[in-house]
Protein backbone atom coordinates (compact mmCIF):
# COMPACT_ATOMS: atom_id res chain seq x y z
CA MET A 1 0.22 -0.37 0.09
CA ASP A 2 1.80 3.19 -1.02
CA GLU A 3 0.26 6.63 0.21
CA ALA A 4 -1.71 7.29 -2.84
CA ARG A 5 -3.66 4.11 -2.04
CA ALA A 6 -4.05 5.21 1.57
CA ARG A 7 -5.51 8.84 1.24
CA ASP A 8 -8.28 6.84 -1.30
CA VAL A 9 -9.26 4.98 1.19
CA LEU A 10 -9.00 7.76 3.48
CA ASP A 11 -11.05 9.67 1.37
CA ARG A 12 -13.61 6.88 1.22
CA ALA A 13 -13.96 6.43 4.73
CA GLY A 14 -14.68 10.39 5.26
CA VAL A 15 -14.34 10.38 8.93
CA LEU A 16 -12.02 13.80 8.25
CA PRO A 17 -13.45 17.40 8.78
CA GLY A 18 -11.80 18.37 6.00
CA PRO A 19 -10.59 16.70 2.22
CA ALA A 20 -7.84 13.44 2.31
CA ARG A 21 -5.61 15.48 0.42
CA ASP A 22 -5.06 18.32 3.45
CA ALA A 23 -4.16 15.33 5.88
CA ARG A 24 -0.35 15.13 7.15
CA LEU A 25 0.79 11.75 6.94
CA LEU A 26 2.56 10.46 10.28
CA ALA A 27 4.02 7.24 9.49
CA LEU A 28 3.72 4.88 5.95
CA GLY A 29 4.03 1.05 7.17
CA GLU A 30 1.65 -1.78 7.77
CA ASN A 31 -0.84 1.24 8.82
CA ALA A 32 -0.97 4.38 7.24
CA VAL A 33 -1.51 7.21 9.70
CA PHE A 34 -2.91 10.71 8.94
CA ALA A 35 -3.42 13.46 11.12
CA ALA A 36 -6.07 16.37 10.58
CA GLY A 37 -7.50 18.62 13.20
CA GLU A 38 -8.30 16.70 16.72
CA LEU A 39 -8.29 13.04 14.69
CA VAL A 40 -5.33 10.26 14.01
CA VAL A 41 -6.60 8.14 11.51
CA LYS A 42 -5.39 4.73 10.66
CA VAL A 43 -5.37 2.89 7.37
CA GLY A 44 -4.36 -0.67 7.52
CA ARG A 45 -2.11 -2.17 4.57
CA ASP A 46 -5.39 -5.03 4.08
CA ALA A 47 -8.12 -7.20 5.27
CA GLU A 48 -5.41 -9.49 7.22
CA LEU A 49 -5.36 -6.97 9.63
CA LEU A 50 -8.67 -5.89 10.65
CA ASP A 51 -8.68 -8.67 13.15
CA ARG A 52 -5.96 -6.43 14.79
CA ALA A 53 -7.60 -3.33 14.67
CA ARG A 54 -10.30 -4.21 16.91
CA ARG A 55 -8.22 -5.75 18.90
CA GLU A 56 -6.02 -2.80 19.17
CA LEU A 57 -9.60 -0.48 19.78
CA ALA A 58 -10.18 -2.99 22.56
CA VAL A 59 -7.16 -2.89 24.29
CA ALA A 60 -7.69 0.89 24.42
CA GLY A 61 -11.00 1.16 25.75
CA TRP A 62 -9.71 -1.57 28.41
CA LEU A 63 -6.84 0.91 29.11
CA ALA A 64 -9.01 3.66 29.28
CA GLU A 65 -10.77 1.86 31.84
CA ALA A 66 -8.18 1.04 34.06
CA GLY A 67 -6.50 4.52 33.97
CA VAL A 68 -3.74 3.72 32.08
CA PRO A 69 -2.87 6.77 30.30
CA ALA A 70 -1.97 5.62 26.89
CA VAL A 71 -3.93 6.59 23.33
CA ARG A 72 -7.45 6.86 23.59
CA ALA A 73 -9.35 5.97 20.32
CA ALA A 74 -12.70 8.13 18.75
CA GLU A 75 -14.47 5.45 17.32
CA ALA A 76 -15.32 2.37 19.45
CA GLU A 77 -15.62 0.23 15.98
CA ALA A 78 -13.22 -0.45 13.16
CA ARG A 79 -14.86 0.68 9.69
CA SER A 80 -13.54 -2.12 6.68
CA VAL A 81 -13.43 0.34 3.77
CA ALA A 82 -11.98 -0.67 0.03
CA GLY A 83 -10.61 -4.30 2.03
CA HIS A 84 -8.76 -2.11 3.99
CA PRO A 85 -9.50 -1.81 8.09
CA VAL A 86 -9.69 1.96 9.40
CA THR A 87 -9.62 3.07 12.74
CA VAL A 88 -10.23 6.66 14.20
CA TRP A 89 -8.23 8.18 17.32
CA HIS A 90 -7.72 11.12 19.05
CA ARG A 91 -4.94 13.31 18.19
CA LEU A 92 -2.98 13.65 21.19
CA PRO A 93 -0.82 16.96 21.72
CA GLU A 94 2.42 17.77 20.31
CA PRO A 95 5.27 16.10 22.97
CA VAL A 96 7.02 18.32 25.40
CA ARG A 97 9.95 16.58 24.90
CA PRO A 98 11.55 12.77 23.71
CA ALA A 99 10.02 9.65 25.66
CA GLU A 100 12.86 8.51 27.83
CA PRO A 101 13.89 4.67 29.25
CA ALA A 102 11.98 5.27 32.24
CA ASP A 103 9.11 7.23 31.00
CA LEU A 104 8.37 3.46 29.38
CA ALA A 105 9.16 2.08 33.01
CA GLU A 106 6.18 3.91 34.62
CA LEU A 107 3.74 2.85 31.84
CA LEU A 108 4.55 -0.73 32.21
CA ARG A 109 4.41 -1.15 35.70
CA LEU A 110 1.04 0.22 35.78
CA VAL A 111 0.35 -2.44 32.71
CA HIS A 112 1.74 -5.39 34.22
CA ALA A 113 -0.04 -4.70 37.70
CA LEU A 114 -3.26 -5.40 35.41
CA PRO A 115 -5.16 -8.53 35.37
CA SER A 116 -6.41 -10.61 32.07
CA PRO A 117 -9.02 -7.89 29.78
CA PRO A 118 -12.59 -9.35 29.13
CA PHE A 119 -11.57 -10.40 25.85
CA PRO A 120 -8.70 -12.55 24.53
CA LEU A 121 -5.07 -11.80 23.76
CA PRO A 122 -2.74 -13.87 21.58
CA ALA A 123 0.33 -14.63 22.98
CA ARG A 124 3.37 -12.82 22.09
CA GLU A 125 4.41 -14.35 18.55
CA LEU A 126 8.02 -13.04 18.76
CA LEU A 127 9.42 -15.32 16.18
CA GLY A 128 6.33 -15.72 14.02
CA GLY A 129 7.71 -13.30 10.80
CA VAL A 130 11.27 -15.26 11.04
CA GLU A 131 10.06 -16.89 7.89
CA ARG A 132 7.96 -14.48 5.60
CA TRP A 133 11.17 -11.92 6.09
CA LEU A 134 13.54 -14.69 4.99
CA ARG A 135 11.10 -15.55 2.10
CA LEU A 136 11.04 -11.84 1.62
CA ALA A 137 15.00 -11.49 1.46
CA GLY A 138 15.47 -14.36 -1.09
CA ASP A 139 18.27 -14.68 -3.07
CA ALA A 140 19.71 -11.91 -1.65
CA ILE A 141 20.81 -13.03 1.63
CA ASP A 142 23.36 -15.97 1.86
CA PRO A 143 21.12 -19.36 1.90
CA ALA A 144 23.69 -20.80 4.37
CA ASP A 145 22.49 -17.61 6.85
CA ALA A 146 19.17 -17.90 6.11
CA ALA A 147 19.29 -21.75 7.32
CA TYR A 148 21.54 -20.36 10.76
CA LEU A 149 18.34 -17.93 11.32
CA ARG A 150 15.97 -20.44 11.30
CA GLU A 151 17.57 -23.75 13.51
CA ARG A 152 17.68 -20.15 15.43
CA ARG A 153 14.56 -19.90 15.74
CA ASP A 154 13.47 -23.05 16.13
CA GLY A 155 16.12 -23.40 19.00
CA PHE A 156 14.94 -20.54 20.95
CA ALA A 157 11.50 -21.48 20.03
CA ALA A 158 11.61 -24.67 22.21
CA ALA A 159 13.53 -22.92 24.58
CA ALA A 160 11.16 -20.12 25.50
CA ALA A 161 8.38 -22.40 25.85
CA GLY A 162 10.06 -23.71 28.93
CA VAL A 163 11.73 -20.87 30.71
CA THR A 164 10.37 -20.68 34.37
CA PRO A 165 9.00 -16.84 34.84
CA HIS A 166 9.95 -14.49 37.76
CA LEU A 167 7.01 -12.56 37.22
CA PRO A 168 3.48 -13.63 36.32
CA PRO A 169 2.30 -13.93 32.94
CA GLY A 170 -0.60 -11.40 31.89
CA PRO A 171 -0.60 -8.46 29.63
CA ILE A 172 1.96 -6.67 28.11
CA HIS A 173 2.95 -4.27 25.26
CA GLY A 174 4.61 -6.51 23.18
CA ASP A 175 6.78 -4.02 21.39
CA ALA A 176 7.98 -2.08 24.78
CA LEU A 177 10.11 0.98 23.12
CA PRO A 178 10.20 4.77 24.10
CA ARG A 179 9.31 5.27 20.66
CA ASN A 180 5.98 3.72 21.81
CA VAL A 181 5.64 6.32 24.34
CA HIS A 182 4.19 9.83 23.75
CA VAL A 183 5.54 12.33 26.33
CA GLY A 184 2.79 15.30 26.38
CA PRO A 185 1.60 18.22 28.46
CA ASP A 186 -0.11 16.00 31.20
CA GLY A 187 2.88 13.12 31.18
CA PRO A 188 3.57 9.47 29.67
CA VAL A 189 1.16 7.97 27.31
CA LEU A 190 1.34 4.56 25.79
CA VAL A 191 1.06 4.86 22.07
CA ASP A 192 1.08 1.60 19.31
CA LEU A 193 -1.45 -0.52 21.00
CA GLU A 194 -1.14 -3.24 18.24
CA THR A 195 1.01 -5.58 19.50
CA PHE A 196 -0.56 -6.38 23.17
CA SER A 197 -0.08 -9.67 24.26
CA HIS A 198 -0.77 -12.22 26.81
CA ASP A 199 2.64 -13.16 27.84
CA LEU A 200 6.07 -13.31 29.53
CA ARG A 201 6.09 -9.71 31.28
CA GLU A 202 9.85 -10.70 31.06
CA HIS A 203 9.23 -9.96 26.58
CA ASP A 204 8.72 -6.29 27.48
CA LEU A 205 11.47 -5.74 29.77
CA VAL A 206 14.25 -7.76 27.62
CA VAL A 207 13.82 -5.33 24.85
CA MET A 208 15.58 -2.37 26.80
CA ALA A 209 18.22 -5.06 28.25
CA LEU A 210 18.75 -5.33 24.29
CA SER A 211 18.85 -1.72 23.49
CA HIS A 212 21.32 -1.45 26.38
CA ASP A 213 23.41 -4.29 24.92
CA ARG A 214 23.31 -4.15 20.63
CA TYR A 215 21.76 -0.67 20.36
CA GLY A 216 23.92 1.90 22.45
CA LEU A 217 21.71 3.04 25.34
CA PRO A 218 23.53 4.51 27.77
CA PRO A 219 24.14 2.51 30.86
CA GLU A 220 22.33 5.48 32.60
CA SER A 221 19.39 5.18 30.77
CA TYR A 222 19.20 1.39 31.09
CA GLU A 223 19.80 1.73 35.28
CA ALA A 224 16.76 4.46 35.15
CA PHE A 225 14.46 2.01 33.10
CA VAL A 226 15.49 -1.10 35.93
CA SER A 227 15.03 2.28 39.00
CA THR A 228 11.88 3.17 37.68
CA TYR A 229 10.44 -0.42 37.20
CA GLY A 230 11.90 -2.35 39.88
CA TRP A 231 13.53 -5.04 38.69
CA ASP A 232 16.24 -5.78 36.50
CA VAL A 233 15.21 -9.03 34.04
CA ARG A 234 18.85 -9.66 33.84
CA GLU A 235 19.08 -11.12 36.96
CA TRP A 236 16.42 -13.83 35.59
CA GLU A 237 18.01 -16.99 34.60
CA GLY A 238 15.68 -17.01 31.69
CA CYS A 239 17.14 -13.45 30.09
CA GLY A 240 19.20 -15.57 27.46
CA VAL A 241 16.77 -17.17 25.87
CA LEU A 242 14.20 -14.02 25.59
CA ARG A 243 17.23 -12.20 24.17
CA GLY A 244 18.44 -14.43 22.00
CA ALA A 245 14.89 -15.04 20.46
CA ARG A 246 14.59 -11.12 19.78
CA GLU A 247 18.20 -11.03 18.37
CA THR A 248 17.15 -13.64 15.95
CA ALA A 249 13.54 -11.81 14.59
CA SER A 250 15.33 -8.67 15.00
CA CYS A 251 18.30 -10.00 12.63
CA ALA A 252 15.47 -11.69 9.97
CA TRP A 253 13.52 -8.77 9.85
CA VAL A 254 16.47 -6.79 8.58
CA ALA A 255 16.90 -9.69 5.94
CA GLN A 256 13.33 -8.60 4.25
CA HIS A 257 14.79 -4.82 3.43
CA THR A 258 17.94 -6.27 1.99
CA PRO A 259 16.79 -7.25 -2.26
CA THR A 260 16.41 -3.40 -2.07
CA ASN A 261 18.52 -1.10 0.09
CA PRO A 262 22.70 -2.26 0.20
CA ARG A 263 22.59 -0.60 3.70
CA ALA A 264 20.23 -2.99 4.59
CA LEU A 265 21.99 -5.85 3.46
CA THR A 266 25.19 -4.53 5.35
CA GLU A 267 23.15 -4.31 8.59
CA PHE A 268 21.85 -7.93 8.14
CA ARG A 269 25.36 -9.31 7.25
CA ARG A 270 26.80 -7.47 10.57
CA ARG A 271 24.16 -8.96 12.66
CA VAL A 272 24.05 -12.50 11.41
CA THR A 273 27.92 -12.68 11.45
CA SER A 274 28.29 -11.40 15.49
CA LEU A 275 25.27 -13.72 16.24
CA ARG A 276 27.18 -16.69 14.43
CA ASP A 277 30.34 -15.81 16.17
CA GLY A 278 28.78 -15.70 19.86
CA ASP A 279 29.84 -12.13 20.11
CA ASP A 280 27.54 -9.71 22.09
CA THR A 281 30.05 -7.07 22.49
CA VAL A 282 29.52 -6.42 18.16
CA ARG A 283 27.06 -2.87 18.28
CA TRP A 284 24.24 -3.27 15.66
CA TYR A 285 21.91 0.01 14.93
CA PRO A 286 18.70 0.39 14.30
CA PHE A 287 17.28 0.19 10.70
């Protein structure tokens, strides 16, 4: 789905106060995200995302009832427009500063204290996209690297099923990064609720540990995250398993971009080589 197609769907949806051509495009990925006036509209890539869009709206309503600061829906139901799910949200005020890891930890504490919602949440399928991403990479990557990542995926999937959690399993955000926190005049707010799951709470904490180990998050920022949350997941014996699973998924995710982007191929090779060598000190770069 390109921007022109997304704007056409937005125009057909008729949810904005003005013409779709005047809406500001905020993001274009699995969703095209547009802002206009007091509203934000998400247009999903295809019909397969309709159930996820419905679940995201349900999560938003549940968090509102629980008093968790999070993005709020302007319409309770998802629309299907020309084969694309469309959801409408209240626009957040302009941020007062970038989100910090401690802001994320504050919100995760609230989420992790919640009981299960009155509707089902899926398990966190961290490794579920590996096969699709490797298939999209095709001949752009070494077949031996693809086979290695498939083997890692299977090994870590089996290992993750056998870990003993330190925290009680329950609702998690699923993509717990500061980029999914918006700091407005009233404080931090959780956004991008599509990956909410019911699984090990440790999944949400390993993300920041990996950010520290691989992506250059400063030690003081990680310590602020740990201090605010109240526990360091690196103390848990299962941390290495979830960390390895996320590294595998992150490496395969970059692979899908390699056919058309030389930078992606360079980053993919850096990542897969460091995994093969067992070198935890190699810096990875966001892509």
